[in-house]
Amino acid sequence: MKTAGSLLPEHEGLRRAVRWLAEQPSRDARIIEEASLRFDLSPTDEEFLLRAVMPADQVDAMLAAGPARRHYNPTMRPLLSLLRGVAARPPASRIVFDKPGLHLALRSPLMETTDAR
């Protein structure tokens, strides 16, 4: 139960988020979103925090706009094809991608243990 002088909310996650936000150098929509993810806040809790640090008309506009649209990015198609191809192969302890200007080596310690048997 809240006392009359208490300003902290009753919800534990929200209380922890408020304390964490007080330690941050800035308080904007990005940092509120991070707090929401970090402390597993509900959309209502996140809106509460947004309204505490932003003008009401900006929060209303964000909520009215809904989630950001996801656009198709054709430059990602080769990468997605490569990842699908790698995922379709049998498990491996090491995968290496080489091309001019890029060397990427991935290894799985778990697979190396299995391969050694």
C-alpha atoms as a PDB file:
ATOM      1  CA  MET A   1       0.000   0.000   0.000  1.00  0.00           C
ATOM      2  CA  LYS A   2       1.279   3.452  -0.909  1.00  0.00           C
ATOM      3  CA  THR A   3       1.677   6.099   1.730  1.00  0.00           C
ATOM      4  CA  ALA A   4       0.466   9.607   1.000  1.00  0.00           C
ATOM      5  CA  GLY A   5       4.045  10.921   0.699  1.00  0.00           C
ATOM      6  CA  SER A   6       5.325   8.147  -1.598  1.00  0.00           C
ATOM      7  CA  LEU A   7       5.885   9.100  -5.236  1.00  0.00           C
ATOM      8  CA  LEU A   8       7.209   5.711  -6.374  1.00  0.00           C
ATOM      9  CA  PRO A   9       4.701   3.469  -8.157  1.00  0.00           C
ATOM     10  CA  GLU A  10       3.518   0.205  -6.582  1.00  0.00           C
ATOM     11  CA  HIS A  11       4.621  -2.046  -9.489  1.00  0.00           C
ATOM     12  CA  GLU A  12       8.144  -3.367  -8.684  1.00  0.00           C
ATOM     13  CA  GLY A  13       9.408  -3.312 -12.296  1.00  0.00           C
ATOM     14  CA  LEU A  14       8.204   0.236 -12.752  1.00  0.00           C
ATOM     15  CA  ARG A  15       9.756   1.244  -9.435  1.00  0.00           C
ATOM     16  CA  ARG A  16      13.121  -0.204 -10.517  1.00  0.00           C
ATOM     17  CA  ALA A  17      12.794   1.507 -13.916  1.00  0.00           C
ATOM     18  CA  VAL A  18      12.160   4.885 -12.253  1.00  0.00           C
ATOM     19  CA  ARG A  19      15.265   4.456 -10.081  1.00  0.00           C
ATOM     20  CA  TRP A  20      17.346   3.411 -13.115  1.00  0.00           C
ATOM     21  CA  LEU A  21      16.060   6.351 -15.196  1.00  0.00           C
ATOM     22  CA  ALA A  22      17.004   8.763 -12.403  1.00  0.00           C
ATOM     23  CA  GLU A  23      20.640   7.638 -12.857  1.00  0.00           C
ATOM     24  CA  GLN A  24      20.634   8.199 -16.656  1.00  0.00           C
ATOM     25  CA  PRO A  25      22.125  11.390 -18.135  1.00  0.00           C
ATOM     26  CA  SER A  26      19.126  11.917 -20.452  1.00  0.00           C
ATOM     27  CA  ARG A  27      15.495  10.916 -20.513  1.00  0.00           C
ATOM     28  CA  ASP A  28      13.993  10.596 -23.968  1.00  0.00           C
ATOM     29  CA  ALA A  29      11.872   8.074 -25.884  1.00  0.00           C
ATOM     30  CA  ARG A  30      14.924   5.913 -26.655  1.00  0.00           C
ATOM     31  CA  ILE A  31      15.976   5.581 -23.015  1.00  0.00           C
ATOM     32  CA  ILE A  32      12.356   4.946 -21.970  1.00  0.00           C
ATOM     33  CA  GLU A  33      12.178   2.117 -24.516  1.00  0.00           C
ATOM     34  CA  GLU A  34      15.420   0.678 -23.095  1.00  0.00           C
ATOM     35  CA  ALA A  35      13.974   0.842 -19.569  1.00  0.00           C
ATOM     36  CA  SER A  36      10.814  -0.862 -20.794  1.00  0.00           C
ATOM     37  CA  LEU A  37      12.807  -3.766 -22.220  1.00  0.00           C
ATOM     38  CA  ARG A  38      15.263  -3.941 -19.318  1.00  0.00           C
ATOM     39  CA  PHE A  39      12.566  -4.043 -16.619  1.00  0.00           C
ATOM     40  CA  ASP A  40       9.883  -5.895 -18.627  1.00  0.00           C
ATOM     41  CA  LEU A  41       7.358  -3.065 -18.373  1.00  0.00           C
ATOM     42  CA  SER A  42       3.848  -3.229 -19.747  1.00  0.00           C
ATOM     43  CA  PRO A  43       2.787  -0.825 -22.509  1.00  0.00           C
ATOM     44  CA  THR A  44       0.825   1.123 -19.876  1.00  0.00           C
ATOM     45  CA  ASP A  45       3.940   1.469 -17.686  1.00  0.00           C
ATOM     46  CA  GLU A  46       5.986   2.596 -20.686  1.00  0.00           C
ATOM     47  CA  GLU A  47       3.351   5.197 -21.585  1.00  0.00           C
ATOM     48  CA  PHE A  48       3.367   6.389 -17.959  1.00  0.00           C
ATOM     49  CA  LEU A  49       7.131   6.985 -18.173  1.00  0.00           C
ATOM     50  CA  LEU A  50       6.870   8.669 -21.574  1.00  0.00           C
ATOM     51  CA  ARG A  51       4.238  11.059 -20.255  1.00  0.00           C
ATOM     52  CA  ALA A  52       6.469  11.848 -17.267  1.00  0.00           C
ATOM     53  CA  VAL A  53       9.350  13.044 -19.467  1.00  0.00           C
ATOM     54  CA  MET A  54       7.803  14.185 -22.768  1.00  0.00           C
ATOM     55  CA  PRO A  55       5.144  16.717 -23.769  1.00  0.00           C
ATOM     56  CA  ALA A  56       1.700  15.103 -23.925  1.00  0.00           C
ATOM     57  CA  ASP A  57       1.144  16.056 -27.583  1.00  0.00           C
ATOM     58  CA  GLN A  58       4.328  14.196 -28.603  1.00  0.00           C
ATOM     59  CA  VAL A  59       3.307  11.059 -26.702  1.00  0.00           C
ATOM     60  CA  ASP A  60      -0.195  11.244 -28.217  1.00  0.00           C
ATOM     61  CA  ALA A  61       1.303  11.577 -31.714  1.00  0.00           C
ATOM     62  CA  MET A  62       3.614   8.581 -31.142  1.00  0.00           C
ATOM     63  CA  LEU A  63       0.745   6.419 -29.932  1.00  0.00           C
ATOM     64  CA  ALA A  64      -1.508   7.514 -32.805  1.00  0.00           C
ATOM     65  CA  ALA A  65       1.214   6.704 -35.371  1.00  0.00           C
ATOM     66  CA  GLY A  66       1.509   3.129 -34.124  1.00  0.00           C
ATOM     67  CA  PRO A  67       4.569   0.930 -34.628  1.00  0.00           C
ATOM     68  CA  ALA A  68       7.180   1.964 -37.169  1.00  0.00           C
ATOM     69  CA  ARG A  69       6.721   0.449 -40.616  1.00  0.00           C
ATOM     70  CA  ARG A  70       9.141  -2.231 -41.659  1.00  0.00           C
ATOM     71  CA  HIS A  71      10.398  -1.642 -45.147  1.00  0.00           C
ATOM     72  CA  TYR A  72      11.815  -4.271 -47.449  1.00  0.00           C
ATOM     73  CA  ASN A  73      15.520  -3.669 -47.895  1.00  0.00           C
ATOM     74  CA  PRO A  74      16.692  -5.289 -51.168  1.00  0.00           C
ATOM     75  CA  THR A  75      20.346  -4.867 -50.178  1.00  0.00           C
ATOM     76  CA  MET A  76      19.776  -7.440 -47.427  1.00  0.00           C
ATOM     77  CA  ARG A  77      18.623 -10.144 -49.846  1.00  0.00           C
ATOM     78  CA  PRO A  78      22.095 -11.659 -50.508  1.00  0.00           C
ATOM     79  CA  LEU A  79      22.808 -11.843 -46.784  1.00  0.00           C
ATOM     80  CA  LEU A  80      19.455 -13.487 -46.053  1.00  0.00           C
ATOM     81  CA  SER A  81      20.074 -16.033 -48.842  1.00  0.00           C
ATOM     82  CA  LEU A  82      23.506 -16.793 -47.408  1.00  0.00           C
ATOM     83  CA  LEU A  83      22.104 -17.279 -43.901  1.00  0.00           C
ATOM     84  CA  ARG A  84      19.343 -19.577 -45.200  1.00  0.00           C
ATOM     85  CA  GLY A  85      21.967 -21.634 -47.031  1.00  0.00           C
ATOM     86  CA  VAL A  86      24.152 -21.933 -43.937  1.00  0.00           C
ATOM     87  CA  ALA A  87      21.142 -22.882 -41.799  1.00  0.00           C
ATOM     88  CA  ALA A  88      20.238 -25.657 -44.268  1.00  0.00           C
ATOM     89  CA  ARG A  89      23.690 -27.299 -43.963  1.00  0.00           C
ATOM     90  CA  PRO A  90      24.554 -29.944 -41.371  1.00  0.00           C
ATOM     91  CA  PRO A  91      25.890 -28.573 -38.064  1.00  0.00           C
ATOM     92  CA  ALA A  92      29.542 -27.541 -38.160  1.00  0.00           C
ATOM     93  CA  SER A  93      32.049 -26.535 -35.523  1.00  0.00           C
ATOM     94  CA  ARG A  94      33.480 -23.774 -37.755  1.00  0.00           C
ATOM     95  CA  ILE A  95      32.186 -21.561 -40.550  1.00  0.00           C
ATOM     96  CA  VAL A  96      34.406 -19.057 -42.367  1.00  0.00           C
ATOM     97  CA  PHE A  97      33.307 -16.319 -44.775  1.00  0.00           C
ATOM     98  CA  ASP A  98      36.030 -14.692 -46.849  1.00  0.00           C
ATOM     99  CA  LYS A  99      35.713 -11.908 -49.355  1.00  0.00           C
ATOM    100  CA  PRO A 100      37.825  -8.859 -50.173  1.00  0.00           C
ATOM    101  CA  GLY A 101      37.790  -6.593 -47.150  1.00  0.00           C
ATOM    102  CA  LEU A 102      35.997  -9.076 -44.887  1.00  0.00           C
ATOM    103  CA  HIS A 103      37.045 -12.199 -43.010  1.00  0.00           C
ATOM    104  CA  LEU A 104      34.442 -13.629 -40.652  1.00  0.00           C
ATOM    105  CA  ALA A 105      35.095 -16.824 -38.708  1.00  0.00           C
ATOM    106  CA  LEU A 106      32.430 -18.399 -36.505  1.00  0.00           C
ATOM    107  CA  ARG A 107      33.052 -21.334 -34.229  1.00  0.00           C
ATOM    108  CA  SER A 108      30.985 -23.305 -31.788  1.00  0.00           C
ATOM    109  CA  PRO A 109      32.756 -24.623 -28.696  1.00  0.00           C
ATOM    110  CA  LEU A 110      29.849 -27.040 -28.188  1.00  0.00           C
ATOM    111  CA  MET A 111      30.262 -28.495 -31.677  1.00  0.00           C
ATOM    112  CA  GLU A 112      34.048 -28.774 -31.238  1.00  0.00           C
ATOM    113  CA  THR A 113      33.463 -30.941 -28.153  1.00  0.00           C
ATOM    114  CA  THR A 114      31.030 -33.114 -30.128  1.00  0.00           C
ATOM    115  CA  ASP A 115      33.384 -33.325 -33.152  1.00  0.00           C
ATOM    116  CA  ALA A 116      36.287 -34.515 -30.957  1.00  0.00           C
ATOM    117  CA  ARG A 117      34.423 -37.670 -29.928  1.00  0.00           C
END
